N, C-alpha and C. Protein backbone atom coordinates (compact mmCIF):
# COMPACT_ATOMS: atom_id res chain seq x y z
N MET A 1 36.09 3.94 -6.43
CA MET A 1 34.66 3.77 -6.59
C MET A 1 34.34 2.29 -6.83
N LYS A 2 33.37 1.80 -6.10
CA LYS A 2 32.98 0.40 -6.19
C LYS A 2 32.10 0.15 -7.42
N LYS A 3 32.38 -0.92 -8.12
CA LYS A 3 31.57 -1.30 -9.29
C LYS A 3 30.39 -2.13 -8.82
N ASN A 4 29.20 -1.73 -9.21
CA ASN A 4 28.00 -2.47 -8.84
C ASN A 4 27.81 -3.70 -9.71
N LYS A 5 27.19 -4.72 -9.12
CA LYS A 5 26.85 -5.92 -9.87
C LYS A 5 25.74 -5.57 -10.85
N LYS A 6 25.65 -6.34 -11.94
CA LYS A 6 24.61 -6.12 -12.93
C LYS A 6 23.29 -6.74 -12.44
N VAL A 7 22.22 -5.95 -12.54
CA VAL A 7 20.90 -6.44 -12.15
C VAL A 7 20.44 -7.43 -13.21
N PRO A 8 20.05 -8.64 -12.79
CA PRO A 8 19.62 -9.63 -13.78
C PRO A 8 18.29 -9.25 -14.43
N VAL A 9 18.02 -9.89 -15.56
CA VAL A 9 16.73 -9.73 -16.23
C VAL A 9 15.80 -10.79 -15.66
N PHE A 10 14.62 -10.39 -15.27
CA PHE A 10 13.68 -11.30 -14.63
C PHE A 10 12.59 -11.73 -15.60
N LYS A 11 12.14 -12.97 -15.46
CA LYS A 11 11.07 -13.49 -16.31
C LYS A 11 9.71 -12.90 -15.93
N ASN A 12 9.55 -12.63 -14.64
CA ASN A 12 8.27 -12.10 -14.18
C ASN A 12 8.47 -11.40 -12.83
N GLU A 13 7.40 -10.80 -12.33
CA GLU A 13 7.47 -10.05 -11.08
C GLU A 13 7.77 -10.95 -9.88
N LYS A 14 7.23 -12.16 -9.90
CA LYS A 14 7.48 -13.10 -8.80
C LYS A 14 8.97 -13.42 -8.69
N GLU A 15 9.59 -13.70 -9.83
CA GLU A 15 11.02 -14.00 -9.84
C GLU A 15 11.83 -12.81 -9.33
N GLU A 16 11.44 -11.60 -9.72
CA GLU A 16 12.14 -10.39 -9.26
C GLU A 16 11.97 -10.22 -7.75
N PHE A 17 10.75 -10.42 -7.27
CA PHE A 17 10.48 -10.31 -5.84
C PHE A 17 11.35 -11.28 -5.05
N GLU A 18 11.42 -12.53 -5.49
CA GLU A 18 12.22 -13.54 -4.80
C GLU A 18 13.71 -13.18 -4.82
N PHE A 19 14.17 -12.63 -5.94
CA PHE A 19 15.57 -12.23 -6.04
C PHE A 19 15.90 -11.16 -5.00
N TRP A 20 15.09 -10.08 -4.97
CA TRP A 20 15.38 -8.96 -4.07
C TRP A 20 15.16 -9.34 -2.61
N ALA A 21 14.36 -10.34 -2.35
CA ALA A 21 14.17 -10.81 -0.98
C ALA A 21 15.43 -11.49 -0.45
N ARG A 22 16.27 -12.01 -1.37
CA ARG A 22 17.47 -12.73 -0.98
C ARG A 22 18.77 -11.95 -1.18
N HIS A 23 18.71 -10.79 -1.85
CA HIS A 23 19.92 -10.06 -2.18
C HIS A 23 19.88 -8.63 -1.63
N ASP A 24 21.05 -8.11 -1.35
CA ASP A 24 21.20 -6.74 -0.86
C ASP A 24 21.26 -5.80 -2.07
N SER A 25 20.29 -4.91 -2.16
CA SER A 25 20.22 -4.02 -3.32
C SER A 25 21.42 -3.07 -3.42
N THR A 26 22.11 -2.81 -2.31
CA THR A 26 23.25 -1.89 -2.36
C THR A 26 24.42 -2.47 -3.16
N GLU A 27 24.40 -3.77 -3.39
CA GLU A 27 25.43 -4.39 -4.22
C GLU A 27 25.14 -4.17 -5.71
N TYR A 28 23.91 -3.76 -6.03
CA TYR A 28 23.47 -3.63 -7.42
C TYR A 28 23.16 -2.20 -7.82
N LEU A 29 22.81 -1.37 -6.86
CA LEU A 29 22.39 -0.01 -7.16
C LEU A 29 23.23 1.00 -6.40
N ASP A 30 23.52 2.13 -7.04
CA ASP A 30 24.27 3.21 -6.40
C ASP A 30 23.26 4.25 -5.93
N TYR A 31 22.91 4.19 -4.67
CA TYR A 31 21.89 5.08 -4.13
C TYR A 31 22.36 6.53 -4.03
N SER A 32 23.65 6.77 -4.11
CA SER A 32 24.15 8.15 -4.05
C SER A 32 23.73 8.95 -5.29
N LYS A 33 23.37 8.26 -6.36
CA LYS A 33 22.95 8.92 -7.59
C LYS A 33 21.42 9.06 -7.67
N GLY A 34 20.73 8.62 -6.62
CA GLY A 34 19.28 8.68 -6.61
C GLY A 34 18.75 10.10 -6.52
N LYS A 35 17.57 10.30 -7.07
CA LYS A 35 16.91 11.61 -7.03
C LYS A 35 15.53 11.43 -6.41
N LYS A 36 15.11 12.44 -5.66
CA LYS A 36 13.77 12.40 -5.09
C LYS A 36 12.75 12.59 -6.21
N THR A 37 11.70 11.78 -6.17
CA THR A 37 10.67 11.82 -7.20
C THR A 37 9.31 11.73 -6.54
N LEU A 38 8.36 12.43 -7.11
CA LEU A 38 6.97 12.34 -6.65
C LEU A 38 6.16 11.57 -7.67
N PHE A 39 5.22 10.79 -7.19
CA PHE A 39 4.30 10.06 -8.04
C PHE A 39 2.88 10.44 -7.65
N PRO A 40 2.42 11.62 -8.08
CA PRO A 40 1.12 12.12 -7.61
C PRO A 40 -0.07 11.29 -8.05
N ASN A 41 0.05 10.55 -9.14
CA ASN A 41 -1.10 9.79 -9.64
C ASN A 41 -1.00 8.30 -9.34
N LEU A 42 -0.06 7.93 -8.48
CA LEU A 42 0.13 6.52 -8.13
C LEU A 42 -1.02 6.06 -7.26
N LYS A 43 -1.67 4.99 -7.67
CA LYS A 43 -2.78 4.44 -6.89
C LYS A 43 -2.30 3.19 -6.16
N PRO A 44 -2.68 3.06 -4.89
CA PRO A 44 -2.25 1.86 -4.16
C PRO A 44 -2.92 0.61 -4.72
N SER A 45 -2.21 -0.49 -4.63
CA SER A 45 -2.80 -1.77 -5.04
C SER A 45 -3.94 -2.09 -4.09
N ILE A 46 -5.01 -2.59 -4.65
CA ILE A 46 -6.15 -2.97 -3.80
C ILE A 46 -6.48 -4.43 -4.03
N LYS A 47 -7.06 -5.02 -3.02
CA LYS A 47 -7.47 -6.41 -3.11
C LYS A 47 -8.89 -6.51 -2.56
N THR A 48 -9.74 -7.17 -3.30
CA THR A 48 -11.11 -7.37 -2.86
C THR A 48 -11.14 -8.49 -1.84
N ILE A 49 -11.85 -8.23 -0.74
CA ILE A 49 -12.01 -9.25 0.29
C ILE A 49 -13.49 -9.42 0.60
N SER A 50 -13.80 -10.51 1.23
CA SER A 50 -15.16 -10.75 1.71
C SER A 50 -15.12 -10.57 3.22
N LEU A 51 -15.98 -9.71 3.72
CA LEU A 51 -16.01 -9.41 5.15
C LEU A 51 -17.45 -9.58 5.64
N ARG A 52 -17.64 -10.47 6.58
CA ARG A 52 -18.98 -10.69 7.10
C ARG A 52 -19.20 -9.78 8.31
N LEU A 53 -20.23 -8.95 8.21
CA LEU A 53 -20.58 -8.03 9.28
C LEU A 53 -22.05 -8.22 9.64
N PRO A 54 -22.39 -7.95 10.88
CA PRO A 54 -23.81 -7.97 11.23
C PRO A 54 -24.56 -6.94 10.38
N GLU A 55 -25.78 -7.28 10.00
CA GLU A 55 -26.57 -6.36 9.18
C GLU A 55 -26.72 -5.00 9.85
N SER A 56 -26.81 -5.00 11.18
CA SER A 56 -26.96 -3.73 11.88
C SER A 56 -25.74 -2.83 11.67
N PHE A 57 -24.53 -3.41 11.62
CA PHE A 57 -23.34 -2.62 11.36
C PHE A 57 -23.45 -1.93 10.00
N ILE A 58 -23.87 -2.70 9.02
CA ILE A 58 -23.98 -2.17 7.65
C ILE A 58 -24.99 -1.03 7.62
N GLU A 59 -26.10 -1.21 8.30
CA GLU A 59 -27.11 -0.14 8.35
C GLU A 59 -26.56 1.10 9.04
N TYR A 60 -25.83 0.93 10.13
CA TYR A 60 -25.22 2.08 10.81
C TYR A 60 -24.21 2.78 9.90
N PHE A 61 -23.41 1.99 9.20
CA PHE A 61 -22.45 2.59 8.26
C PHE A 61 -23.18 3.38 7.18
N LYS A 62 -24.28 2.84 6.68
CA LYS A 62 -25.04 3.54 5.63
C LYS A 62 -25.60 4.85 6.14
N ILE A 63 -26.09 4.85 7.39
CA ILE A 63 -26.63 6.08 7.98
C ILE A 63 -25.53 7.12 8.11
N LEU A 64 -24.38 6.70 8.68
CA LEU A 64 -23.26 7.63 8.85
C LEU A 64 -22.73 8.12 7.50
N ALA A 65 -22.65 7.23 6.54
CA ALA A 65 -22.15 7.59 5.21
C ALA A 65 -23.08 8.61 4.55
N HIS A 66 -24.39 8.40 4.70
CA HIS A 66 -25.36 9.33 4.11
C HIS A 66 -25.17 10.73 4.71
N LYS A 67 -24.93 10.81 6.01
CA LYS A 67 -24.70 12.10 6.67
C LYS A 67 -23.45 12.79 6.13
N ARG A 68 -22.47 12.00 5.74
CA ARG A 68 -21.21 12.56 5.22
C ARG A 68 -21.21 12.66 3.70
N ASP A 69 -22.27 12.16 3.07
CA ASP A 69 -22.41 12.17 1.61
C ASP A 69 -21.26 11.41 0.92
N VAL A 70 -20.97 10.22 1.46
CA VAL A 70 -19.97 9.33 0.85
C VAL A 70 -20.57 7.93 0.78
N PRO A 71 -20.09 7.09 -0.13
CA PRO A 71 -20.55 5.70 -0.16
C PRO A 71 -20.16 4.99 1.14
N TYR A 72 -21.01 4.08 1.60
CA TYR A 72 -20.74 3.44 2.90
C TYR A 72 -19.46 2.60 2.88
N GLN A 73 -19.14 1.99 1.74
CA GLN A 73 -17.91 1.20 1.68
C GLN A 73 -16.68 2.11 1.80
N SER A 74 -16.76 3.31 1.24
CA SER A 74 -15.67 4.28 1.38
C SER A 74 -15.53 4.71 2.83
N LEU A 75 -16.66 4.88 3.51
CA LEU A 75 -16.62 5.25 4.92
C LEU A 75 -15.95 4.15 5.75
N ILE A 76 -16.27 2.92 5.45
CA ILE A 76 -15.64 1.80 6.18
C ILE A 76 -14.13 1.85 5.97
N LYS A 77 -13.68 2.10 4.73
CA LYS A 77 -12.23 2.20 4.47
C LYS A 77 -11.62 3.37 5.22
N MET A 78 -12.34 4.49 5.30
CA MET A 78 -11.84 5.65 6.04
C MET A 78 -11.68 5.30 7.52
N PHE A 79 -12.69 4.63 8.09
CA PHE A 79 -12.62 4.24 9.50
C PHE A 79 -11.45 3.28 9.74
N LEU A 80 -11.28 2.32 8.84
CA LEU A 80 -10.17 1.38 8.99
C LEU A 80 -8.82 2.08 8.90
N ALA A 81 -8.68 3.02 7.95
CA ALA A 81 -7.42 3.75 7.79
C ALA A 81 -7.12 4.57 9.04
N GLU A 82 -8.14 5.24 9.59
CA GLU A 82 -7.93 6.03 10.81
C GLU A 82 -7.47 5.16 11.96
N ARG A 83 -8.09 4.00 12.09
CA ARG A 83 -7.72 3.10 13.19
C ARG A 83 -6.32 2.54 13.00
N LEU A 84 -5.98 2.15 11.77
CA LEU A 84 -4.63 1.66 11.50
C LEU A 84 -3.60 2.72 11.84
N LYS A 85 -3.88 3.94 11.43
CA LYS A 85 -2.97 5.06 11.70
C LYS A 85 -2.76 5.20 13.21
N LYS A 86 -3.85 5.12 13.96
CA LYS A 86 -3.77 5.26 15.41
C LYS A 86 -3.00 4.08 16.03
N GLU A 87 -3.33 2.88 15.64
CA GLU A 87 -2.69 1.68 16.21
C GLU A 87 -1.21 1.60 15.89
N LEU A 88 -0.84 2.00 14.69
CA LEU A 88 0.56 1.89 14.25
C LEU A 88 1.34 3.19 14.43
N ASN A 89 0.69 4.21 14.95
CA ASN A 89 1.32 5.52 15.14
C ASN A 89 1.94 6.02 13.84
N LEU A 90 1.18 5.92 12.77
CA LEU A 90 1.67 6.34 11.46
C LEU A 90 1.19 7.75 11.13
N ALA A 91 1.98 8.44 10.33
CA ALA A 91 1.59 9.77 9.88
C ALA A 91 0.54 9.66 8.78
N GLU A 92 0.65 8.63 7.94
CA GLU A 92 -0.27 8.46 6.81
C GLU A 92 -0.39 6.98 6.49
N VAL A 93 -1.61 6.55 6.19
CA VAL A 93 -1.83 5.16 5.77
C VAL A 93 -2.35 5.18 4.36
């Protein structure tokens, strides 16, 4: 049985990210001991962006959102997710 290297202690998330970007995790972790886990309440990280759209687009989104009884910004995210799924042939985005 191979002995795994010890995972270092990181000062912050950036340092950890840089470490794992340069190292093979199989040298540090024994994946044969892994267990499947569900994270039902895990929320994806979000980032606020500024997006310039023609006013007419926003009005159309508001009309469509009202018909679906959802906020227009949520509708825009739904449309973007559907398109990403189609473009990338993904099962879920």
